[in-house]
Structures are given as structure tokens and as C-alpha cells.
């Protein structure tokens, strides 16, 4: 009896492990797309911080002159500018590929 119960428990454990691995395998593309989105967001954020530093340097200011909330607003504005610029460049590239340069 004990052997039969142990076999049932072990087989159920193996079944659970196998089903988890299968679900992870089918979820792989969504995991990779999330990682890609996070990497892109990180790069955009880094670029926004650099352009914020440049903008503050032009005004002879430093990060210490602003509160965290004000800096977050400035950085989010820079992120928006970068995203808009990327959208514009992507549209121009798509139109150029299609040969619709008269719309540019």
C-alpha cells in the first residue's frame, strides 16, 4: 500500500513539474517581449536623463536646484520628446521604404 501511494505522489509531482515547464515554454514569447519593452524603456529613460542634464547645464542649473517631483516632470517631458522623435523617424522610414517620399 505504501509503495502504491508513493508512486501516486511521485507521479503527480512529475505531472505538475511537466505541466509547469510546458506552460513556461508557451509563455516564452510574452516573457521575451516584456524584457524587450523594459530594455527599450530603460534606454529611453537613460537618454532622457542625459538630455535633461544637458538642458540643465545650458541654464547653469544642477539637479540639486530642483525637487524630485520637478525632476521627474522634466525627465518625463524629455522621454515624451524622445518617443515622439522615434515615431516621426519610424514614419519617415516607412514612407521612404514604400516610395512615398512626396508625403515627407
Foldseek 3Di string as FASTA:
>chain_A
DVVVVVVVVVVVVVVVVVVVVVVCVVCVVVVVVVVVVVVVVVVLLVVLVVVVQVVCVVVVHDPVVDDPVVVVVSSVVSSVVVVVVVVVVVVCVVCVVVVNNVVD
